[in-house]
């Protein structure tokens, strides 16, 4: 199972789902059953899978030397944590201040994710090459 999870094919599938999922996250959700909330919840789970697939690299971000060399990825990890915390605030209570924080975190997250995709695009293309 672990081998399948870490396979090249699994990484391609998760990356494609994440990439195409960005387009469906627009709009707002006033209830948990809204398309925005359902799609975003699925997307956050896909992000967790993506992070797990790259766990050795993610774990290395505890060292300052790695952060300095990979600023965009470090910002992406920070933005994901910020976005996840804004969603967790909704779990406990829908308040206007939490919604405002979520909107700001969402816009920042989208900007940083776009930079991350551009930065890692060569690596994504290499997954499609035959060995």
N, C-alpha and C. Protein backbone atom coordinates (compact mmCIF):
# COMPACT_ATOMS: atom_id res chain seq x y z
N UNK A 1 0.83 -1.20 0.00
CA UNK A 1 0.00 0.00 0.00
C UNK A 1 0.87 1.26 0.00
N UNK A 2 1.90 1.25 0.84
CA UNK A 2 2.78 2.42 0.91
C UNK A 2 3.46 2.65 -0.42
N UNK A 3 3.85 1.57 -1.07
CA UNK A 3 4.52 1.70 -2.36
C UNK A 3 3.58 2.33 -3.40
N UNK A 4 2.31 1.90 -3.40
CA UNK A 4 1.32 2.45 -4.31
C UNK A 4 1.09 3.94 -4.02
N UNK A 5 1.02 4.29 -2.75
CA UNK A 5 0.82 5.67 -2.31
C UNK A 5 1.96 6.58 -2.77
N UNK A 6 3.18 6.06 -2.76
CA UNK A 6 4.36 6.84 -3.14
C UNK A 6 4.71 6.69 -4.62
N UNK A 7 3.93 5.93 -5.37
CA UNK A 7 4.26 5.68 -6.78
C UNK A 7 4.15 6.96 -7.61
N UNK A 8 4.82 6.91 -8.74
CA UNK A 8 4.81 8.03 -9.66
C UNK A 8 3.37 8.31 -10.13
N UNK A 9 2.63 7.24 -10.39
CA UNK A 9 1.26 7.37 -10.87
C UNK A 9 0.37 8.04 -9.80
N UNK A 10 0.54 7.66 -8.55
CA UNK A 10 -0.24 8.26 -7.46
C UNK A 10 0.07 9.74 -7.32
N UNK A 11 1.34 10.10 -7.45
CA UNK A 11 1.72 11.51 -7.35
C UNK A 11 1.13 12.32 -8.50
N UNK A 12 1.13 11.74 -9.71
CA UNK A 12 0.54 12.43 -10.86
C UNK A 12 -0.95 12.67 -10.62
N UNK A 13 -1.65 11.65 -10.16
CA UNK A 13 -3.09 11.76 -9.94
C UNK A 13 -3.40 12.84 -8.91
N UNK A 14 -2.70 12.81 -7.79
CA UNK A 14 -2.93 13.82 -6.73
C UNK A 14 -2.60 15.21 -7.24
N UNK A 15 -1.48 15.37 -7.95
CA UNK A 15 -1.09 16.69 -8.46
C UNK A 15 -2.12 17.22 -9.46
N UNK A 16 -2.62 16.36 -10.34
CA UNK A 16 -3.64 16.79 -11.31
C UNK A 16 -4.93 17.18 -10.60
N UNK A 17 -5.35 16.38 -9.63
CA UNK A 17 -6.57 16.71 -8.88
C UNK A 17 -6.42 18.03 -8.12
N UNK A 18 -5.25 18.26 -7.54
CA UNK A 18 -5.00 19.52 -6.84
C UNK A 18 -5.03 20.69 -7.81
N UNK A 19 -4.35 20.52 -8.94
CA UNK A 19 -4.26 21.60 -9.93
C UNK A 19 -5.63 21.96 -10.49
N UNK A 20 -6.41 20.95 -10.86
CA UNK A 20 -7.75 21.23 -11.40
C UNK A 20 -8.72 21.67 -10.32
N UNK A 21 -8.49 21.25 -9.10
CA UNK A 21 -9.37 21.62 -7.99
C UNK A 21 -9.30 23.08 -7.63
N UNK A 22 -8.20 23.74 -7.95
CA UNK A 22 -8.06 25.17 -7.63
C UNK A 22 -9.17 25.96 -8.31
N UNK A 23 -9.48 25.59 -9.55
CA UNK A 23 -10.50 26.32 -10.30
C UNK A 23 -11.88 26.22 -9.67
N UNK A 24 -12.17 25.13 -8.99
CA UNK A 24 -13.49 24.93 -8.40
C UNK A 24 -13.66 25.50 -7.02
N UNK A 25 -12.65 26.16 -6.50
CA UNK A 25 -12.74 26.64 -5.12
C UNK A 25 -13.27 28.06 -5.00
N UNK A 26 -13.55 28.71 -6.12
CA UNK A 26 -14.05 30.08 -6.07
C UNK A 26 -15.42 30.15 -5.42
N UNK A 27 -15.86 31.33 -5.18
CA UNK A 27 -17.17 31.51 -4.58
C UNK A 27 -17.10 31.45 -3.07
N UNK A 28 -18.28 31.43 -2.48
CA UNK A 28 -18.35 31.38 -1.03
C UNK A 28 -19.31 30.29 -0.61
N UNK A 29 -19.19 29.88 0.60
CA UNK A 29 -20.08 28.87 1.14
C UNK A 29 -20.66 29.33 2.45
N UNK A 30 -21.96 29.39 2.51
CA UNK A 30 -22.62 29.83 3.75
C UNK A 30 -23.00 28.64 4.63
N UNK A 31 -22.97 27.45 4.05
CA UNK A 31 -23.25 26.24 4.82
C UNK A 31 -22.22 25.18 4.44
N UNK A 32 -22.10 24.16 5.28
CA UNK A 32 -21.13 23.10 5.01
C UNK A 32 -21.51 22.29 3.78
N UNK A 33 -22.78 22.34 3.36
CA UNK A 33 -23.21 21.58 2.19
C UNK A 33 -23.07 22.36 0.88
N UNK A 34 -22.51 23.55 0.93
CA UNK A 34 -22.32 24.34 -0.29
C UNK A 34 -21.20 23.72 -1.13
N UNK A 35 -21.25 23.91 -2.46
CA UNK A 35 -20.19 23.37 -3.32
C UNK A 35 -18.79 23.85 -2.91
N UNK A 36 -18.69 25.09 -2.46
CA UNK A 36 -17.39 25.64 -2.04
C UNK A 36 -16.84 24.86 -0.85
N UNK A 37 -17.65 24.64 0.16
CA UNK A 37 -17.18 23.95 1.37
C UNK A 37 -16.88 22.47 1.10
N UNK A 38 -17.72 21.81 0.32
CA UNK A 38 -17.47 20.41 0.01
C UNK A 38 -16.19 20.27 -0.82
N UNK A 39 -16.08 21.09 -1.88
CA UNK A 39 -14.89 21.04 -2.74
C UNK A 39 -13.62 21.39 -1.97
N UNK A 40 -13.71 22.41 -1.14
CA UNK A 40 -12.54 22.83 -0.36
C UNK A 40 -12.13 21.77 0.65
N UNK A 41 -13.10 21.09 1.24
CA UNK A 41 -12.78 20.01 2.19
C UNK A 41 -12.05 18.87 1.49
N UNK A 42 -12.54 18.51 0.31
CA UNK A 42 -11.86 17.47 -0.47
C UNK A 42 -10.47 17.93 -0.85
N UNK A 43 -10.34 19.20 -1.23
CA UNK A 43 -9.05 19.74 -1.65
C UNK A 43 -8.05 19.76 -0.49
N UNK A 44 -8.52 20.09 0.70
CA UNK A 44 -7.64 20.08 1.87
C UNK A 44 -7.16 18.66 2.19
N UNK A 45 -8.02 17.67 2.00
CA UNK A 45 -7.61 16.28 2.19
C UNK A 45 -6.57 15.88 1.14
N UNK A 46 -6.80 16.30 -0.11
CA UNK A 46 -5.81 16.03 -1.16
C UNK A 46 -4.46 16.69 -0.82
N UNK A 47 -4.52 17.88 -0.22
CA UNK A 47 -3.28 18.55 0.20
C UNK A 47 -2.56 17.74 1.27
N UNK A 48 -3.31 17.17 2.20
CA UNK A 48 -2.70 16.33 3.23
C UNK A 48 -2.02 15.11 2.59
N UNK A 49 -2.67 14.52 1.59
CA UNK A 49 -2.06 13.39 0.88
C UNK A 49 -0.80 13.85 0.16
N UNK A 50 -0.85 15.00 -0.48
CA UNK A 50 0.31 15.55 -1.18
C UNK A 50 1.48 15.77 -0.21
N UNK A 51 1.17 16.33 0.94
CA UNK A 51 2.19 16.57 1.96
C UNK A 51 2.77 15.24 2.43
N UNK A 52 1.92 14.26 2.64
CA UNK A 52 2.39 12.93 3.07
C UNK A 52 3.26 12.28 2.00
N UNK A 53 2.91 12.47 0.73
CA UNK A 53 3.71 11.90 -0.35
C UNK A 53 5.11 12.51 -0.38
N UNK A 54 5.22 13.73 0.04
CA UNK A 54 6.51 14.43 0.05
C UNK A 54 6.99 14.65 1.49
N UNK A 55 6.68 13.70 2.38
CA UNK A 55 6.93 13.88 3.80
C UNK A 55 8.40 14.09 4.13
N UNK A 56 9.29 13.35 3.49
CA UNK A 56 10.72 13.53 3.80
C UNK A 56 11.16 14.95 3.50
N UNK A 57 10.68 15.49 2.40
CA UNK A 57 11.02 16.87 2.04
C UNK A 57 10.34 17.85 3.00
N UNK A 58 9.09 17.61 3.31
CA UNK A 58 8.34 18.49 4.22
C UNK A 58 9.00 18.52 5.60
N UNK A 59 9.40 17.34 6.08
CA UNK A 59 10.04 17.24 7.39
C UNK A 59 11.35 18.03 7.45
N UNK A 60 12.02 18.14 6.31
CA UNK A 60 13.30 18.85 6.29
C UNK A 60 13.13 20.35 6.53
N UNK A 61 11.91 20.85 6.47
CA UNK A 61 11.68 22.28 6.66
C UNK A 61 11.77 22.71 8.12
N UNK A 62 12.25 21.84 8.98
CA UNK A 62 12.52 22.23 10.35
C UNK A 62 13.91 22.85 10.47
N UNK A 63 14.69 22.77 9.39
CA UNK A 63 16.04 23.35 9.39
C UNK A 63 16.05 24.66 8.61
N UNK A 64 16.67 25.67 9.19
CA UNK A 64 16.73 26.99 8.58
C UNK A 64 17.42 26.97 7.22
N UNK A 65 18.45 26.16 7.05
CA UNK A 65 19.17 26.11 5.77
C UNK A 65 18.25 25.64 4.64
N UNK A 66 17.34 24.73 4.93
CA UNK A 66 16.39 24.23 3.92
C UNK A 66 15.36 25.32 3.60
N UNK A 67 14.90 26.03 4.60
CA UNK A 67 13.93 27.10 4.39
C UNK A 67 14.53 28.18 3.50
N UNK A 68 15.78 28.55 3.75
CA UNK A 68 16.43 29.58 2.94
C UNK A 68 16.52 29.19 1.47
N UNK A 69 16.76 27.91 1.19
CA UNK A 69 16.91 27.44 -0.20
C UNK A 69 15.56 27.24 -0.88
N UNK A 70 14.50 27.04 -0.13
CA UNK A 70 13.17 26.73 -0.68
C UNK A 70 12.12 27.68 -0.12
N UNK A 71 12.28 28.95 -0.40
CA UNK A 71 11.40 29.96 0.20
C UNK A 71 9.94 29.80 -0.22
N UNK A 72 9.70 29.50 -1.50
CA UNK A 72 8.32 29.37 -1.98
C UNK A 72 7.63 28.18 -1.30
N UNK A 73 8.33 27.05 -1.20
CA UNK A 73 7.73 25.89 -0.54
C UNK A 73 7.50 26.16 0.94
N UNK A 74 8.42 26.85 1.58
CA UNK A 74 8.25 27.20 2.99
C UNK A 74 7.03 28.12 3.16
N UNK A 75 6.87 29.08 2.25
CA UNK A 75 5.70 29.96 2.29
C UNK A 75 4.42 29.16 2.06
N UNK A 76 4.49 28.16 1.18
CA UNK A 76 3.33 27.33 0.90
C UNK A 76 2.92 26.55 2.14
N UNK A 77 3.87 26.00 2.85
CA UNK A 77 3.57 25.26 4.09
C UNK A 77 2.94 26.20 5.11
N UNK A 78 3.49 27.39 5.24
CA UNK A 78 2.94 28.39 6.16
C UNK A 78 1.51 28.77 5.76
N UNK A 79 1.31 29.02 4.46
CA UNK A 79 -0.01 29.42 3.97
C UNK A 79 -1.04 28.30 4.16
N UNK A 80 -0.60 27.05 3.97
CA UNK A 80 -1.51 25.92 4.18
C UNK A 80 -1.92 25.85 5.65
N UNK A 81 -0.98 26.04 6.55
CA UNK A 81 -1.29 26.02 7.98
C UNK A 81 -2.25 27.16 8.33
N UNK A 82 -2.03 28.32 7.73
CA UNK A 82 -2.91 29.47 7.95
C UNK A 82 -4.31 29.18 7.43
N UNK A 83 -4.39 28.60 6.25
CA UNK A 83 -5.69 28.28 5.65
C UNK A 83 -6.42 27.22 6.48
N UNK A 84 -5.68 26.19 6.88
CA UNK A 84 -6.28 25.13 7.68
C UNK A 84 -6.78 25.69 9.01
N UNK A 85 -6.04 26.60 9.61
CA UNK A 85 -6.49 27.19 10.88
C UNK A 85 -7.75 28.03 10.66
N UNK A 86 -7.85 28.71 9.52
CA UNK A 86 -9.06 29.50 9.26
C UNK A 86 -10.27 28.60 9.07
N UNK A 87 -10.07 27.41 8.50
CA UNK A 87 -11.17 26.45 8.35
C UNK A 87 -11.55 25.87 9.70
N UNK A 88 -10.55 25.56 10.52
CA UNK A 88 -10.83 25.00 11.85
C UNK A 88 -11.62 25.97 12.72
N UNK A 89 -11.43 27.27 12.50
CA UNK A 89 -12.22 28.25 13.25
C UNK A 89 -13.70 28.09 12.93
N UNK A 90 -14.01 27.73 11.66
CA UNK A 90 -15.41 27.51 11.27
C UNK A 90 -16.00 26.30 11.97
N UNK A 91 -15.18 25.31 12.25
CA UNK A 91 -15.68 24.11 12.90
C UNK A 91 -16.28 24.46 14.26
N UNK A 92 -15.67 25.41 14.92
CA UNK A 92 -16.13 25.77 16.25
C UNK A 92 -17.23 26.83 16.25
N UNK A 93 -17.18 27.75 15.27
CA UNK A 93 -18.19 28.81 15.25
C UNK A 93 -18.07 29.64 13.98
N UNK A 94 -19.21 29.97 13.39
CA UNK A 94 -19.23 30.89 12.25
C UNK A 94 -19.37 32.31 12.81
N UNK A 95 -18.34 33.08 12.73
CA UNK A 95 -18.39 34.47 13.17
C UNK A 95 -17.89 35.33 12.01
N UNK A 96 -18.33 36.57 11.97
CA UNK A 96 -17.91 37.47 10.90
C UNK A 96 -16.41 37.68 10.88
N UNK A 97 -15.80 37.76 12.06
CA UNK A 97 -14.34 37.96 12.10
C UNK A 97 -13.61 36.75 11.55
N UNK A 98 -14.13 35.54 11.78
CA UNK A 98 -13.51 34.33 11.24
C UNK A 98 -13.65 34.28 9.72
N UNK A 99 -14.81 34.72 9.24
CA UNK A 99 -15.04 34.73 7.79
C UNK A 99 -14.09 35.72 7.13
N UNK A 100 -13.89 36.88 7.73
CA UNK A 100 -12.95 37.87 7.18
C UNK A 100 -11.53 37.30 7.16
N UNK A 101 -11.14 36.64 8.24
CA UNK A 101 -9.82 36.02 8.31
C UNK A 101 -9.68 34.94 7.23
N UNK A 102 -10.75 34.16 7.02
CA UNK A 102 -10.73 33.10 6.02
C UNK A 102 -10.58 33.68 4.61
N UNK A 103 -11.25 34.79 4.33
CA UNK A 103 -11.14 35.41 3.01
C UNK A 103 -9.72 35.93 2.75
N UNK A 104 -9.14 36.55 3.73
CA UNK A 104 -7.77 37.05 3.58
C UNK A 104 -6.80 35.88 3.44
N UNK A 105 -6.95 34.87 4.29
CA UNK A 105 -6.08 33.68 4.21
C UNK A 105 -6.25 32.99 2.86
N UNK A 106 -7.48 32.93 2.36
CA UNK A 106 -7.75 32.28 1.08
C UNK A 106 -7.07 32.99 -0.09
N UNK A 107 -7.13 34.29 -0.10
CA UNK A 107 -6.48 35.05 -1.18
C UNK A 107 -4.96 34.91 -1.11
N UNK A 108 -4.42 34.98 0.08
CA UNK A 108 -2.97 34.78 0.26
C UNK A 108 -2.58 33.37 -0.16
N UNK A 109 -3.36 32.39 0.24
CA UNK A 109 -3.10 31.00 -0.09
C UNK A 109 -3.12 30.79 -1.60
N UNK A 110 -4.10 31.36 -2.29
CA UNK A 110 -4.18 31.21 -3.75
C UNK A 110 -2.95 31.81 -4.43
N UNK A 111 -2.52 32.97 -3.97
CA UNK A 111 -1.32 33.60 -4.54
C UNK A 111 -0.09 32.72 -4.33
N UNK A 112 0.09 32.22 -3.13
CA UNK A 112 1.28 31.42 -2.83
C UNK A 112 1.22 30.07 -3.52
N UNK A 113 0.04 29.46 -3.62
CA UNK A 113 -0.11 28.18 -4.33
C UNK A 113 0.24 28.38 -5.80
N UNK A 114 -0.19 29.50 -6.39
CA UNK A 114 0.14 29.78 -7.79
C UNK A 114 1.65 29.87 -7.96
N UNK A 115 2.33 30.55 -7.06
CA UNK A 115 3.79 30.64 -7.11
C UNK A 115 4.42 29.26 -6.95
N UNK A 116 3.87 28.45 -6.06
CA UNK A 116 4.39 27.09 -5.82
C UNK A 116 4.25 26.24 -7.08
N UNK A 117 3.11 26.32 -7.74
CA UNK A 117 2.89 25.54 -8.97
C UNK A 117 3.87 25.98 -10.05
N UNK A 118 4.07 27.27 -10.20
CA UNK A 118 5.02 27.78 -11.19
C UNK A 118 6.43 27.30 -10.85
N UNK A 119 6.79 27.40 -9.58
CA UNK A 119 8.13 27.00 -9.11
C UNK A 119 8.38 25.51 -9.33
N UNK A 120 7.37 24.68 -9.14
CA UNK A 120 7.53 23.22 -9.22
C UNK A 120 7.06 22.64 -10.55
N UNK A 121 6.77 23.49 -11.54
CA UNK A 121 6.21 23.01 -12.80
C UNK A 121 7.15 22.05 -13.54
N UNK A 122 8.44 22.33 -13.52
CA UNK A 122 9.40 21.43 -14.17
C UNK A 122 9.36 20.04 -13.53
N UNK A 123 9.27 20.00 -12.23
CA UNK A 123 9.20 18.73 -11.51
C UNK A 123 7.90 17.99 -11.85
N UNK A 124 6.81 18.73 -11.99
CA UNK A 124 5.54 18.13 -12.38
C UNK A 124 5.63 17.54 -13.79
N UNK A 125 6.24 18.27 -14.70
CA UNK A 125 6.38 17.77 -16.08
C UNK A 125 7.24 16.51 -16.10
N UNK A 126 8.23 16.43 -15.21
CA UNK A 126 9.11 15.26 -15.21
C UNK A 126 8.38 13.97 -14.79
N UNK A 127 7.27 14.12 -14.06
CA UNK A 127 6.50 12.94 -13.68
C UNK A 127 5.85 12.26 -14.90
N UNK A 128 5.64 13.02 -15.96
CA UNK A 128 5.00 12.49 -17.14
C UNK A 128 5.99 11.86 -18.12
N UNK A 129 7.28 12.04 -17.89
CA UNK A 129 8.28 11.44 -18.78
C UNK A 129 8.40 9.97 -18.51
N UNK A 130 8.62 9.21 -19.57
CA UNK A 130 8.84 7.78 -19.41
C UNK A 130 10.30 7.55 -19.07
N UNK A 131 10.53 6.59 -18.22
CA UNK A 131 11.92 6.27 -17.81
C UNK A 131 12.52 5.26 -18.75
